[in-house]
Amino acid sequence: MEPGTAHKPALITFPPSLDSELARFLLEHYGIEHEEQPHAFIFCFFVTLWHGSTVIFPLLYNESLKLVGPQAINDYFDQRCAPELRLWPQAADGKRQVTSDWTLFNQTLALATAVFAYYHLLPQRQLMMLPLSRGTPPLEQESVHGAYPLFAGALKILLRLTAQRAQQSLDQIRTVFGQVDTRLADGRKFLVGDRLTLSDLAFAVAAAPVVLPPTYGGPIPSFDEMPPEIQAAVKEMRSHPAGQYALRIYQEHRLGICRSRKPIPALTRETGLNRL
């Protein structure tokens, strides 16, 4: 089926981004068949503006559905999925904890890992041209390869990359990992309650740049290709219980789920999605 149809929505992404990865993770968890449409940085703003009247990515859309960002994707499908797939607890205290974790992981930690990683990676032009352009339309790939300083410079400005900010981000990463270590110290399998929640997915994705899970869905350099500063951080964070936990979430929950679950019927026109 063509991308953007009512039965198979398209997901517009900037492939390396953490929000795009969290959207992929969520859609796989809920069993939502979709077609990813990767776009290079800068280009992705124009594509989401055209299809969703927003410059925010990722965007999941078809003729009757527009969900902007991973939080909107989670909010929409968690209300429509089978009970065993819900990522929000039913108890009020569990909901409060997941809400708090969303801010800590998807905002604080994700920003810190992105700043730290991009600060050390963007100067490596040959290493980064592929992650910034893989899977995108040919014109975008040519643009990234031919005008790499423009794309790297835009990310540097957006993330306000400096040596001081990169060090502060690494300190923030250590702080959050320490907090997660403390929560895991009682032997719990998941961060909230006794089942997988949004807290688990949000932490695993936000931690990905400093633990490098093998099943990360976007294009990122391998450990051996990484600059020494990132290699050192990965070794350090993998030594934490929190780092091993993030890797376990990826190993047990990230790969191959979509093939074993039936699509949620809410994606068809008959469900009234044309109201959105």
Protein backbone atom coordinates (compact mmCIF):
# COMPACT_ATOMS: atom_id res chain seq x y z
CA MET A 1 0.00 0.00 0.00
CA GLU A 2 1.27 3.49 -0.79
CA PRO A 3 2.71 5.56 2.09
CA GLY A 4 0.22 7.92 3.64
CA THR A 5 -2.84 5.75 2.98
CA ALA A 6 -5.46 5.25 5.65
CA HIS A 7 -4.32 1.69 6.34
CA LYS A 8 -0.56 2.30 6.35
CA PRO A 9 0.55 5.67 7.66
CA ALA A 10 3.90 7.25 6.89
CA LEU A 11 6.40 8.21 9.56
CA ILE A 12 8.55 11.21 8.65
CA THR A 13 11.84 11.08 10.53
CA PHE A 14 15.29 12.54 10.83
CA PRO A 15 16.74 9.03 11.19
CA PRO A 16 19.47 9.52 13.84
CA SER A 17 17.25 11.53 16.18
CA LEU A 18 16.15 10.13 19.52
CA ASP A 19 12.54 11.23 19.10
CA SER A 20 12.43 9.45 15.73
CA GLU A 21 13.82 6.31 17.36
CA LEU A 22 11.30 6.49 20.18
CA ALA A 23 8.51 6.80 17.61
CA ARG A 24 9.80 3.67 15.84
CA PHE A 25 10.00 1.83 19.16
CA LEU A 26 6.44 2.83 20.09
CA LEU A 27 4.95 1.87 16.72
CA GLU A 28 6.70 -1.49 16.85
CA HIS A 29 5.45 -2.07 20.38
CA TYR A 30 1.84 -1.30 19.42
CA GLY A 31 2.11 -3.36 16.23
CA ILE A 32 1.42 -0.44 13.90
CA GLU A 33 2.38 -1.12 10.30
CA HIS A 34 3.84 2.02 8.74
CA GLU A 35 6.35 3.19 6.19
CA GLU A 36 9.22 5.32 7.39
CA GLN A 37 10.13 8.29 5.22
CA PRO A 38 13.59 9.43 6.35
CA HIS A 39 14.76 12.95 5.53
CA ALA A 40 17.97 14.84 6.15
CA PHE A 41 18.13 17.60 8.72
CA ILE A 42 16.68 20.91 7.45
CA PHE A 43 14.80 19.05 4.68
CA CYS A 44 12.71 17.25 7.31
CA PHE A 45 11.28 20.58 8.50
CA PHE A 46 9.85 21.33 5.06
CA VAL A 47 8.39 17.84 4.69
CA THR A 48 6.65 17.89 8.08
CA LEU A 49 5.43 21.42 7.36
CA TRP A 50 3.90 20.23 4.09
CA HIS A 51 2.24 17.11 5.48
CA GLY A 52 1.48 18.16 9.04
CA SER A 53 1.64 21.95 9.26
CA THR A 54 4.47 21.63 11.77
CA VAL A 55 8.27 21.73 11.77
CA ILE A 56 8.42 19.11 14.52
CA PHE A 57 9.51 15.58 13.71
CA PRO A 58 8.73 12.72 13.78
CA LEU A 59 5.31 13.00 12.17
CA LEU A 60 2.99 10.02 11.70
CA TYR A 61 0.34 10.80 9.11
CA ASN A 62 -2.12 9.63 6.50
CA GLU A 63 -5.23 11.26 4.99
CA SER A 64 -7.00 11.18 8.33
CA LEU A 65 -4.28 11.02 10.98
CA LYS A 66 -1.59 13.48 12.08
CA LEU A 67 0.40 12.69 15.21
CA VAL A 68 3.31 15.02 15.94
CA GLY A 69 6.12 13.67 18.11
CA PRO A 70 6.47 10.48 20.17
CA GLN A 71 4.28 11.73 23.01
CA ALA A 72 1.31 12.20 20.68
CA ILE A 73 1.92 8.75 19.19
CA ASN A 74 1.99 7.20 22.64
CA ASP A 75 -1.08 9.11 23.84
CA TYR A 76 -3.11 8.08 20.81
CA PHE A 77 -2.28 4.38 20.58
CA ASP A 78 -2.10 3.66 24.29
CA GLN A 79 -5.80 4.49 24.52
CA ARG A 80 -6.63 2.12 21.66
CA CYS A 81 -4.33 -0.88 22.11
CA ALA A 82 -4.93 -4.20 23.85
CA PRO A 83 -4.66 -3.91 27.66
CA GLU A 84 -1.46 -5.97 27.77
CA LEU A 85 0.27 -3.47 25.46
CA ARG A 86 -0.55 -0.33 27.42
CA LEU A 87 2.48 1.64 28.50
CA TRP A 88 0.69 3.75 31.10
CA PRO A 89 -0.10 2.25 34.52
CA GLN A 90 -3.65 2.30 35.79
CA ALA A 91 -2.77 3.40 39.32
CA ALA A 92 -2.48 7.13 40.02
CA ASP A 93 0.94 6.86 41.66
CA GLY A 94 2.25 4.92 38.68
CA LYS A 95 0.94 7.55 36.28
CA ARG A 96 2.64 10.28 38.31
CA GLN A 97 5.94 8.42 38.17
CA VAL A 98 5.74 7.86 34.41
CA THR A 99 4.90 11.54 33.91
CA SER A 100 7.94 12.52 35.96
CA ASP A 101 10.12 10.02 34.12
CA TRP A 102 9.02 11.39 30.75
CA THR A 103 10.43 14.80 31.67
CA LEU A 104 13.62 13.32 33.12
CA PHE A 105 14.32 10.90 30.29
CA ASN A 106 12.79 12.32 27.11
CA GLN A 107 13.81 15.89 27.85
CA THR A 108 16.72 16.07 30.32
CA LEU A 109 18.61 12.87 29.52
CA ALA A 110 17.85 12.80 25.79
CA LEU A 111 19.09 16.35 25.36
CA ALA A 112 22.23 15.58 27.34
CA THR A 113 23.12 12.48 25.33
CA ALA A 114 22.41 14.28 22.05
CA VAL A 115 24.57 17.26 22.98
CA PHE A 116 27.43 15.07 24.19
CA ALA A 117 27.33 12.80 21.14
CA TYR A 118 26.93 15.48 18.46
CA TYR A 119 29.67 17.65 19.97
CA HIS A 120 32.18 14.85 19.48
CA LEU A 121 30.74 13.42 16.25
CA LEU A 122 30.00 16.41 14.05
CA PRO A 123 33.68 17.34 13.50
CA GLN A 124 34.10 13.85 11.97
CA ARG A 125 32.79 14.65 8.49
CA GLN A 126 33.57 11.33 6.82
CA LEU A 127 32.08 9.41 9.71
CA MET A 128 28.88 11.45 9.93
CA MET A 129 27.86 11.99 6.32
CA LEU A 130 26.24 8.55 6.14
CA PRO A 131 24.27 8.75 9.42
CA LEU A 132 22.96 12.19 8.46
CA SER A 133 21.79 11.08 5.03
CA ARG A 134 21.24 7.31 4.84
CA GLY A 135 17.90 6.35 3.37
CA THR A 136 16.94 9.89 2.43
CA PRO A 137 16.04 10.96 -1.13
CA PRO A 138 19.01 11.22 -3.53
CA LEU A 139 18.92 15.02 -3.65
CA GLU A 140 19.14 15.20 0.14
CA GLN A 141 22.03 12.74 0.22
CA GLU A 142 23.89 14.78 -2.36
CA SER A 143 23.20 17.94 -0.39
CA VAL A 144 24.56 16.52 2.85
CA HIS A 145 27.68 15.22 1.11
CA GLY A 146 28.25 18.43 -0.83
CA ALA A 147 27.38 20.93 1.91
CA TYR A 148 28.18 19.04 5.11
CA PRO A 149 29.35 22.15 7.02
CA LEU A 150 25.90 23.69 6.54
CA PHE A 151 24.09 20.72 8.08
CA ALA A 152 26.66 20.25 10.84
CA GLY A 153 26.56 23.97 11.56
CA ALA A 154 22.77 23.98 11.82
CA LEU A 155 22.88 21.16 14.39
CA LYS A 156 25.67 22.92 16.28
CA ILE A 157 23.62 26.10 16.52
CA LEU A 158 20.39 24.31 17.43
CA LEU A 159 22.03 22.27 20.19
CA ARG A 160 24.36 25.12 21.27
CA LEU A 161 27.36 22.83 21.12
CA THR A 162 30.42 23.91 23.10
CA ALA A 163 33.09 22.01 25.03
CA GLN A 164 31.65 23.28 28.30
CA ARG A 165 28.12 22.25 27.37
CA ALA A 166 29.34 18.80 26.31
CA GLN A 167 31.02 18.30 29.68
CA GLN A 168 27.94 19.53 31.52
CA SER A 169 25.86 17.08 29.48
CA LEU A 170 28.15 14.19 30.43
CA ASP A 171 27.77 15.19 34.08
CA GLN A 172 24.00 15.23 33.63
CA ILE A 173 24.11 11.77 32.04
CA ARG A 174 26.03 10.46 35.03
CA THR A 175 23.51 11.98 37.41
CA VAL A 176 20.49 10.43 35.69
CA PHE A 177 22.21 7.05 35.36
CA GLY A 178 22.93 7.21 39.09
CA GLN A 179 19.28 7.88 39.81
CA VAL A 180 18.22 4.92 37.69
CA ASP A 181 20.88 2.74 39.35
CA THR A 182 19.28 3.55 42.69
CA ARG A 183 15.83 2.57 41.49
CA LEU A 184 17.10 -0.71 40.07
CA ALA A 185 19.00 -1.60 43.24
CA ASP A 186 15.97 -3.38 44.74
CA GLY A 187 16.04 -5.94 41.92
CA ARG A 188 13.05 -4.65 40.00
CA LYS A 189 12.71 -5.68 36.36
CA PHE A 190 11.00 -2.48 35.23
CA LEU A 191 11.20 1.11 36.41
CA VAL A 192 7.51 1.46 37.30
CA GLY A 193 5.51 -1.47 38.61
CA ASP A 194 5.90 -5.02 37.34
CA ARG A 195 5.45 -4.46 33.60
CA LEU A 196 6.89 -2.49 30.70
CA THR A 197 5.88 1.18 30.71
CA LEU A 198 6.72 4.33 28.80
CA SER A 199 9.39 5.00 31.44
CA ASP A 200 11.36 1.97 30.28
CA LEU A 201 11.20 2.86 26.60
CA ALA A 202 11.96 6.54 27.18
CA PHE A 203 15.03 5.76 29.27
CA ALA A 204 16.38 3.11 26.89
CA VAL A 205 16.10 5.43 23.89
CA ALA A 206 17.52 8.46 25.69
CA ALA A 207 20.45 6.36 26.91
CA ALA A 208 21.13 4.85 23.48
CA PRO A 209 23.91 7.27 22.38
CA VAL A 210 26.00 6.28 25.41
CA VAL A 211 25.28 2.53 25.50
CA LEU A 212 24.93 1.85 21.73
CA PRO A 213 22.31 -0.92 21.66
CA PRO A 214 22.81 -3.16 18.61
CA THR A 215 19.15 -2.90 17.61
CA TYR A 216 18.98 0.91 17.57
CA GLY A 217 16.75 1.69 14.60
CA GLY A 218 18.56 4.74 13.23
CA PRO A 219 21.92 5.06 11.52
CA ILE A 220 24.66 5.66 14.08
CA PRO A 221 28.38 4.82 13.97
CA SER A 222 29.56 1.60 15.58
CA PHE A 223 31.54 1.58 18.81
CA ASP A 224 34.79 1.01 16.92
CA GLU A 225 34.10 4.04 14.72
CA MET A 226 33.32 6.36 17.60
CA PRO A 227 35.75 9.05 18.80
CA PRO A 228 37.70 8.12 21.96
CA GLU A 229 35.57 10.42 24.13
CA ILE A 230 32.37 8.59 23.21
CA GLN A 231 34.01 5.18 23.50
CA ALA A 232 35.07 6.07 27.05
CA ALA A 233 31.55 7.23 27.92
CA VAL A 234 29.99 4.08 26.47
CA LYS A 235 32.32 1.85 28.49
CA GLU A 236 31.49 3.85 31.62
CA MET A 237 27.72 3.85 31.12
CA ARG A 238 27.57 0.19 30.16
CA SER A 239 29.25 -0.59 33.48
CA HIS A 240 26.25 0.88 35.33
CA PRO A 241 23.19 -1.22 36.17
CA ALA A 242 21.23 1.48 34.33
CA GLY A 243 23.31 0.93 31.19
CA GLN A 244 22.79 -2.82 31.29
CA TYR A 245 19.11 -2.23 31.88
CA ALA A 246 18.83 0.00 28.80
CA LEU A 247 20.56 -2.67 26.71
CA ARG A 248 18.20 -5.32 28.08
CA ILE A 249 15.12 -3.27 27.18
CA TYR A 250 16.42 -3.04 23.63
CA GLN A 251 17.34 -6.71 23.48
CA GLU A 252 14.01 -7.94 24.81
CA HIS A 253 11.56 -5.41 23.39
CA ARG A 254 12.93 -3.59 20.35
CA LEU A 255 13.23 -6.12 17.53
CA GLY A 256 10.68 -8.06 15.53
CA ILE A 257 7.57 -7.22 17.55
CA CYS A 258 5.60 -5.72 14.70
CA ARG A 259 5.53 -9.00 12.79
CA SER A 260 3.78 -10.81 15.63
CA ARG A 261 1.01 -8.35 16.46
CA LYS A 262 -2.15 -7.45 14.67
CA PRO A 263 -2.51 -3.81 13.60
CA ILE A 264 -4.78 -1.68 15.77
CA PRO A 265 -8.03 -1.18 13.85
CA ALA A 266 -8.00 2.50 14.81
CA LEU A 267 -5.93 3.23 11.71
CA THR A 268 -8.79 2.70 9.29
CA ARG A 269 -11.17 5.37 8.10
CA GLU A 270 -14.08 3.54 9.63
CA THR A 271 -12.85 4.38 13.13
CA GLY A 272 -13.49 8.07 12.66
CA LEU A 273 -9.88 9.22 12.35
CA ASN A 274 -11.01 11.78 9.81
CA ARG A 275 -12.06 13.88 12.79
CA LEU A 276 -8.39 14.65 13.46
